Amino acid sequence: MGCLKVTHGYFFSMNLPLQVSDFNALKNCDKPLHLAIGVFDGVHLGHLSVIEPAVSSAKDNSGISAVLTFNPHPSRLFKGAEGTDLIMSLETKTTRLHGLGVDIVIAKTFDKDFASISADAFLSYLLDELPTLKAIYVGQNFRFGQGRVGTIQTLIKSGAALGIDVWSIDRIKQNGLPISSTRIREAMRAGQVDLVNGLLGYRYISEGMVIKGAQLGTKIGFPTMNLLWSPECKPRYGVYAVRFLIEGSEHWKNGIANFGVRPTVTGGDSTEPLLEVHSLEDCQCNVDDKIRVEWVTFIRDEKQFDSVDALKKQISEDCQLVKGLLSDG
């Protein structure tokens, strides 16, 4: 029997690539499996050094490349709501991994049973679940097993006994500092979009459905597309230069976005942030359309205005600034 057939998809959720939530779907796979393991939140440049060798080796050996990731973040099991806020949704991460050539994403639930597997038994457990496991690929700082006592040396010892190759990759650095999801989260919260994009290796993205808003932007001459989007790790509230793509269109457009609780001229009583995008070009977008937003750079903090005229004047100045920034590349 062969492995599951992988159909290449696109970014939008209606065409999501193959993702499974447990190992059973791979029980009948008869091709060598090359498995990268990690949370891979953000799928940043540091993660590529682990993922790309798995993809390349699988292709070179007529095998299957897979990523074992976890949902939710493992810290949620131990810290609950105080656990790590994710940079991207599982859907977005799956799509990103598939775009890198990964055949199958295993989004394993990180529960008490999984966390209780001893470090010495971890690789045996994987081999039982994935009989054709040929090699695993992890970052140099990978820790696993009950109490997170397992190290690379533990994996190498187990792998030698089981005939599984273990590839560990050193951390990639930028300006002398390791590229990490933690750095990216800190930069996002600080509004350092340029740094975020540099560490990711691509522009930070939001994707969601357009919903009906209060229509204030339309009333003052700056209509916006209100995006139904609620990330765990929230960017700094403020105004950003963005580019966006409406599902079904091939043309990216320049825009300006506000992410926050929208104090405007009333003080606002919203506690849930909203992403509002104003197009700087002719644009036809309707409620329920899906759009993808790429964040380019931070412009200013969100603030309250004394009057509608002051708000309009600031938005006009922001638009002119963003037009200049985006026209320069």
Protein backbone atom coordinates (compact mmCIF):
# COMPACT_ATOMS: atom_id res chain seq x y z
CA MET A 1 0.00 0.00 0.00
CA GLY A 2 1.21 3.51 -0.69
CA CYS A 3 1.13 6.66 1.40
CA LEU A 4 -1.67 9.15 1.36
CA LYS A 5 -1.75 11.19 -1.80
CA VAL A 6 -0.74 14.80 -1.23
CA THR A 7 -2.54 17.44 -3.23
CA HIS A 8 -0.77 20.76 -3.41
CA GLY A 9 -3.00 23.52 -2.10
CA TYR A 10 -3.08 27.29 -1.96
CA PHE A 11 -3.04 29.72 0.91
CA PHE A 12 -6.72 30.09 1.51
CA SER A 13 -8.42 27.64 3.85
CA MET A 14 -10.68 26.17 1.18
CA ASN A 15 -7.54 24.64 -0.36
CA LEU A 16 -5.58 23.69 2.72
CA PRO A 17 -2.87 21.07 2.23
CA LEU A 18 -2.86 17.69 3.91
CA GLN A 19 -2.81 17.73 7.68
CA VAL A 20 -3.51 14.91 10.12
CA SER A 21 -4.06 15.01 13.87
CA ASP A 22 -2.66 11.60 14.77
CA PHE A 23 -0.33 8.90 13.51
CA ASN A 24 -2.96 6.41 12.35
CA ALA A 25 -3.25 8.00 8.93
CA LEU A 26 0.35 6.95 8.23
CA LYS A 27 0.14 3.36 9.45
CA ASN A 28 -0.06 1.99 5.92
CA CYS A 29 2.72 4.12 4.49
CA ASP A 30 5.38 1.93 2.87
CA LYS A 31 7.88 4.64 1.95
CA PRO A 32 10.76 5.81 4.16
CA LEU A 33 9.63 8.66 6.37
CA HIS A 34 11.84 11.67 7.05
CA LEU A 35 10.44 13.50 10.05
CA ALA A 36 11.21 17.02 11.29
CA ILE A 37 10.05 17.59 14.87
CA GLY A 38 9.27 20.88 16.57
CA VAL A 39 6.63 23.47 17.33
CA PHE A 40 7.91 25.56 14.39
CA ASP A 41 5.78 28.55 15.39
CA GLY A 42 6.16 31.17 12.68
CA VAL A 43 8.11 28.78 10.42
CA HIS A 44 10.99 31.27 10.49
CA LEU A 45 14.46 31.16 8.94
CA GLY A 46 15.83 29.15 11.83
CA HIS A 47 13.19 26.49 11.31
CA LEU A 48 14.10 26.14 7.63
CA SER A 49 17.48 24.70 8.55
CA VAL A 50 15.64 21.79 10.18
CA ILE A 51 12.77 21.37 7.74
CA GLU A 52 14.60 21.70 4.42
CA PRO A 53 17.01 18.78 5.02
CA ALA A 54 14.05 16.52 5.80
CA VAL A 55 12.33 17.54 2.56
CA SER A 56 15.52 17.18 0.51
CA SER A 57 16.44 13.78 1.96
CA ALA A 58 12.95 12.44 1.40
CA LYS A 59 13.06 13.48 -2.26
CA ASP A 60 16.54 12.05 -2.77
CA ASN A 61 15.50 8.71 -1.27
CA SER A 62 12.02 8.36 -2.77
CA GLY A 63 10.55 8.91 0.66
CA ILE A 64 7.94 11.04 2.37
CA SER A 65 8.72 14.23 4.27
CA ALA A 66 6.66 15.02 7.33
CA VAL A 67 6.60 17.49 10.17
CA LEU A 68 5.53 16.52 13.66
CA THR A 69 4.26 19.64 15.36
CA PHE A 70 2.02 20.20 18.34
CA ASN A 71 -1.37 21.72 18.94
CA PRO A 72 -1.78 23.57 21.22
CA HIS A 73 1.67 24.83 22.25
CA PRO A 74 3.11 22.37 24.81
CA SER A 75 3.30 25.13 27.42
CA ARG A 76 -0.51 25.26 27.50
CA LEU A 77 -0.59 21.84 29.14
CA PHE A 78 1.46 23.04 32.08
CA LYS A 79 0.60 26.75 32.29
CA GLY A 80 -2.91 26.92 30.87
CA ALA A 81 -3.84 30.44 29.74
CA GLU A 82 -0.38 31.64 30.83
CA GLY A 83 1.23 29.44 28.18
CA THR A 84 2.95 30.75 25.07
CA ASP A 85 0.88 32.78 22.61
CA LEU A 86 1.40 31.48 19.08
CA ILE A 87 2.60 33.68 16.22
CA MET A 88 0.44 31.91 13.66
CA SER A 89 -2.58 29.65 13.50
CA LEU A 90 -2.27 25.94 12.80
CA GLU A 91 -3.90 26.46 9.39
CA THR A 92 -1.38 29.11 8.40
CA LYS A 93 1.54 27.05 9.70
CA THR A 94 0.35 23.98 7.78
CA THR A 95 0.10 25.98 4.59
CA ARG A 96 3.53 27.48 5.10
CA LEU A 97 5.08 24.06 5.70
CA HIS A 98 3.38 22.63 2.65
CA GLY A 99 4.77 25.51 0.59
CA LEU A 100 8.25 24.43 1.65
CA GLY A 101 7.65 20.99 0.17
CA VAL A 102 6.56 19.10 3.29
CA ASP A 103 4.25 16.26 2.27
CA ILE A 104 2.39 15.70 5.53
CA VAL A 105 1.90 17.75 8.68
CA ILE A 106 1.11 15.82 11.84
CA ALA A 107 -0.51 18.23 14.31
CA LYS A 108 -0.29 16.08 17.42
CA THR A 109 -2.31 17.00 20.47
CA PHE A 110 0.16 17.65 23.25
CA ASP A 111 -1.59 16.01 26.20
CA LYS A 112 -0.61 14.35 29.49
CA ASP A 113 -0.16 10.94 27.88
CA PHE A 114 2.25 12.26 25.27
CA ALA A 115 4.12 14.39 27.82
CA SER A 116 4.58 11.37 30.10
CA ILE A 117 6.58 9.33 27.55
CA SER A 118 10.09 8.90 28.91
CA ALA A 119 13.00 10.29 26.93
CA ASP A 120 14.55 6.83 26.52
CA ALA A 121 11.28 5.43 25.12
CA PHE A 122 10.45 8.40 22.87
CA LEU A 123 12.05 7.15 19.66
CA SER A 124 10.68 3.62 20.16
CA TYR A 125 7.23 5.15 20.57
CA LEU A 126 7.60 7.05 17.29
CA LEU A 127 8.79 3.94 15.48
CA ASP A 128 5.78 1.97 16.72
CA GLU A 129 3.47 4.70 15.46
CA LEU A 130 5.42 5.33 12.24
CA PRO A 131 6.87 1.95 11.13
CA THR A 132 8.76 3.36 8.13
CA LEU A 133 10.51 6.09 10.11
CA LYS A 134 13.95 6.46 8.57
CA ALA A 135 15.34 9.69 10.00
CA ILE A 136 14.43 12.54 12.30
CA TYR A 137 15.55 16.16 12.10
CA VAL A 138 15.58 18.49 15.11
CA GLY A 139 17.16 21.70 16.30
CA GLN A 140 20.27 21.53 18.47
CA ASN A 141 18.32 22.73 21.53
CA PHE A 142 15.53 20.16 21.14
CA ARG A 143 14.32 18.76 24.46
CA PHE A 144 11.76 16.01 24.85
CA GLY A 145 10.34 13.28 27.04
CA GLN A 146 8.92 13.41 30.53
CA GLY A 147 10.42 16.37 32.34
CA ARG A 148 12.10 17.44 29.08
CA VAL A 149 15.24 15.55 30.10
CA GLY A 150 15.91 14.12 26.64
CA THR A 151 18.75 15.66 24.64
CA ILE A 152 20.31 15.15 21.23
CA GLN A 153 22.63 12.55 22.76
CA THR A 154 19.59 10.63 24.02
CA LEU A 155 18.18 10.61 20.49
CA ILE A 156 21.46 9.51 18.93
CA LYS A 157 21.77 6.61 21.38
CA SER A 158 18.18 5.47 20.77
CA GLY A 159 18.50 5.98 17.03
CA ALA A 160 21.63 3.85 16.80
CA ALA A 161 19.80 0.96 18.48
CA LEU A 162 16.73 1.30 16.27
CA GLY A 163 18.38 2.06 12.92
CA ILE A 164 17.06 5.62 12.76
CA ASP A 165 19.30 8.47 11.62
CA VAL A 166 19.29 11.54 13.86
CA TRP A 167 20.13 14.90 12.33
CA SER A 168 20.59 17.86 14.69
CA ILE A 169 21.02 21.35 13.30
CA ASP A 170 22.75 24.26 14.99
CA ARG A 171 20.71 27.39 15.62
CA ILE A 172 20.88 30.08 12.93
CA LYS A 173 21.88 33.54 14.18
CA GLN A 174 21.12 37.07 13.08
CA ASN A 175 23.48 39.80 14.30
CA GLY A 176 24.96 37.32 16.75
CA LEU A 177 21.61 36.36 18.29
CA PRO A 178 19.74 33.11 17.61
CA ILE A 179 16.68 33.41 15.40
CA SER A 180 13.83 32.26 17.60
CA SER A 181 10.06 32.45 17.88
CA THR A 182 10.56 34.22 21.22
CA ARG A 183 12.49 37.05 19.52
CA ILE A 184 9.80 37.35 16.90
CA ARG A 185 7.03 37.55 19.50
CA GLU A 186 8.90 40.28 21.37
CA ALA A 187 9.46 42.23 18.14
CA MET A 188 5.79 41.91 17.18
CA ARG A 189 4.62 43.28 20.51
CA ALA A 190 7.06 46.17 20.07
CA GLY A 191 5.81 46.98 16.57
CA GLN A 192 9.18 46.10 15.02
CA VAL A 193 7.67 44.68 11.84
CA ASP A 194 10.86 45.09 9.84
CA LEU A 195 12.72 42.90 12.34
CA VAL A 196 9.84 40.40 12.43
CA ASN A 197 9.88 40.08 8.65
CA GLY A 198 13.66 39.73 8.59
CA LEU A 199 13.61 36.90 11.12
CA LEU A 200 10.68 35.15 9.46
CA GLY A 201 12.22 35.38 6.00
CA TYR A 202 8.89 36.59 4.62
CA ARG A 203 6.33 39.23 5.53
CA TYR A 204 4.17 38.62 8.56
CA ILE A 205 0.68 37.73 7.38
CA SER A 206 -2.94 37.89 8.48
CA GLU A 207 -5.74 36.05 6.76
CA GLY A 208 -9.42 36.15 7.44
CA MET A 209 -12.92 37.04 6.36
CA VAL A 210 -14.19 40.58 5.88
CA ILE A 211 -16.97 41.51 8.30
CA LYS A 212 -19.32 44.47 8.47
CA GLY A 213 -18.04 47.29 10.66
CA ALA A 214 -19.42 50.53 12.10
CA GLN A 215 -18.90 52.30 8.75
CA LEU A 216 -17.08 55.27 10.34
CA GLY A 217 -14.30 55.04 7.78
CA THR A 218 -16.77 55.20 4.91
CA LYS A 219 -18.52 58.20 6.46
CA ILE A 220 -15.28 60.20 6.65
CA GLY A 221 -14.00 59.17 3.22
CA PHE A 222 -11.64 56.34 4.15
CA PRO A 223 -13.59 53.07 3.83
CA THR A 224 -12.01 50.04 5.44
CA MET A 225 -12.19 46.28 5.18
CA ASN A 226 -12.65 44.91 8.69
CA LEU A 227 -10.90 41.60 9.06
CA LEU A 228 -12.15 38.80 11.29
CA TRP A 229 -8.73 37.91 12.69
CA SER A 230 -7.76 37.18 16.28
CA PRO A 231 -4.12 36.13 16.77
CA GLU A 232 -2.84 34.76 20.05
CA CYS A 233 0.33 36.85 19.89
CA LYS A 234 -1.02 40.31 19.09
CA PRO A 235 1.07 42.89 17.25
CA ARG A 236 1.46 46.34 18.80
CA TYR A 237 -1.68 48.43 18.45
CA GLY A 238 -1.21 51.04 15.78
CA VAL A 239 -1.09 51.95 12.11
CA TYR A 240 0.85 49.92 9.56
CA ALA A 241 1.76 49.99 5.89
CA VAL A 242 0.43 46.79 4.32
CA ARG A 243 -0.17 44.95 1.09
CA PHE A 244 -3.23 42.76 0.62
CA LEU A 245 -4.70 40.20 -1.75
CA ILE A 246 -8.41 39.46 -2.12
CA GLU A 247 -9.21 35.79 -2.66
CA GLY A 248 -9.86 35.16 -6.34
CA SER A 249 -7.67 38.05 -7.44
CA GLU A 250 -4.12 37.86 -8.76
CA HIS A 251 -3.25 41.46 -7.97
CA TRP A 252 -1.73 42.65 -4.72
CA LYS A 253 -2.76 46.13 -3.63
CA ASN A 254 -1.18 48.69 -1.34
CA GLY A 255 -2.99 49.66 1.82
CA ILE A 256 -2.84 51.14 5.27
CA ALA A 257 -4.11 49.25 8.28
CA ASN A 258 -5.04 49.97 11.86
CA PHE A 259 -4.86 47.20 14.44
CA GLY A 260 -6.31 47.93 17.83
CA VAL A 261 -9.40 48.84 19.83
CA ARG A 262 -10.22 51.90 17.69
CA PRO A 263 -10.48 54.79 20.20
CA THR A 264 -10.97 57.29 17.29
CA VAL A 265 -12.87 60.34 18.57
CA THR A 266 -15.19 58.63 21.02
CA GLY A 267 -12.79 56.87 23.32
CA GLY A 268 -14.13 53.52 22.15
CA ASP A 269 -15.41 50.79 24.41
CA SER A 270 -14.11 47.81 22.47
CA THR A 271 -11.86 45.38 24.30
CA GLU A 272 -11.28 43.08 21.34
CA PRO A 273 -8.87 44.44 18.72
CA LEU A 274 -9.84 44.63 15.06
CA LEU A 275 -7.72 44.79 11.93
CA GLU A 276 -9.03 47.48 9.56
CA VAL A 277 -7.48 47.83 6.10
CA HIS A 278 -7.95 50.85 3.85
CA SER A 279 -6.97 50.36 0.22
CA LEU A 280 -4.77 52.99 -1.38
CA GLU A 281 -5.89 51.80 -4.82
CA ASP A 282 -9.23 51.13 -6.51
CA CYS A 283 -10.62 48.05 -4.86
CA GLN A 284 -13.80 45.99 -4.88
CA CYS A 285 -14.22 43.98 -1.72
CA ASN A 286 -17.37 42.68 -0.08
CA VAL A 287 -18.42 41.30 3.27
CA ASP A 288 -17.47 37.58 3.55
CA ASP A 289 -14.60 37.95 1.07
CA LYS A 290 -11.34 36.43 2.29
CA ILE A 291 -8.22 38.53 2.20
CA ARG A 292 -4.56 38.01 2.95
CA VAL A 293 -2.66 40.93 4.48
CA GLU A 294 1.12 41.29 4.49
CA TRP A 295 2.49 43.68 7.11
CA VAL A 296 5.26 45.92 5.73
CA THR A 297 6.21 48.44 8.42
CA PHE A 298 4.94 50.20 11.54
CA ILE A 299 3.81 53.83 11.13
CA ARG A 300 2.53 55.07 14.49
CA ASP A 301 0.67 54.09 17.63
CA GLU A 302 -3.11 54.04 17.76
CA LYS A 303 -4.50 57.15 19.44
CA GLN A 304 -7.67 59.06 20.24
CA PHE A 305 -8.56 62.31 18.46
CA ASP A 306 -10.36 65.41 19.68
CA SER A 307 -12.54 65.67 16.58
CA VAL A 308 -13.51 63.95 13.36
CA ASP A 309 -11.61 66.61 11.40
CA ALA A 310 -8.43 65.86 13.36
CA LEU A 311 -8.91 62.15 12.66
CA LYS A 312 -9.41 62.79 8.92
CA LYS A 313 -6.32 65.00 8.77
CA GLN A 314 -4.17 62.34 10.46
CA ILE A 315 -5.46 59.54 8.22
CA SER A 316 -4.78 61.64 5.14
CA GLU A 317 -1.21 62.28 6.30
CA ASP A 318 -0.76 58.60 7.10
CA CYS A 319 -1.98 57.60 3.65
CA GLN A 320 0.44 59.95 1.93
CA LEU A 321 3.31 58.61 4.03
CA VAL A 322 2.44 54.99 3.29
CA LYS A 323 2.02 55.66 -0.44
CA GLY A 324 5.57 57.01 -0.48
CA LEU A 325 6.95 54.10 1.50
CA LEU A 326 5.29 51.44 -0.63
CA SER A 327 6.11 53.14 -3.93
CA ASP A 328 9.78 53.03 -2.92
CA GLY A 329 9.56 49.24 -2.78
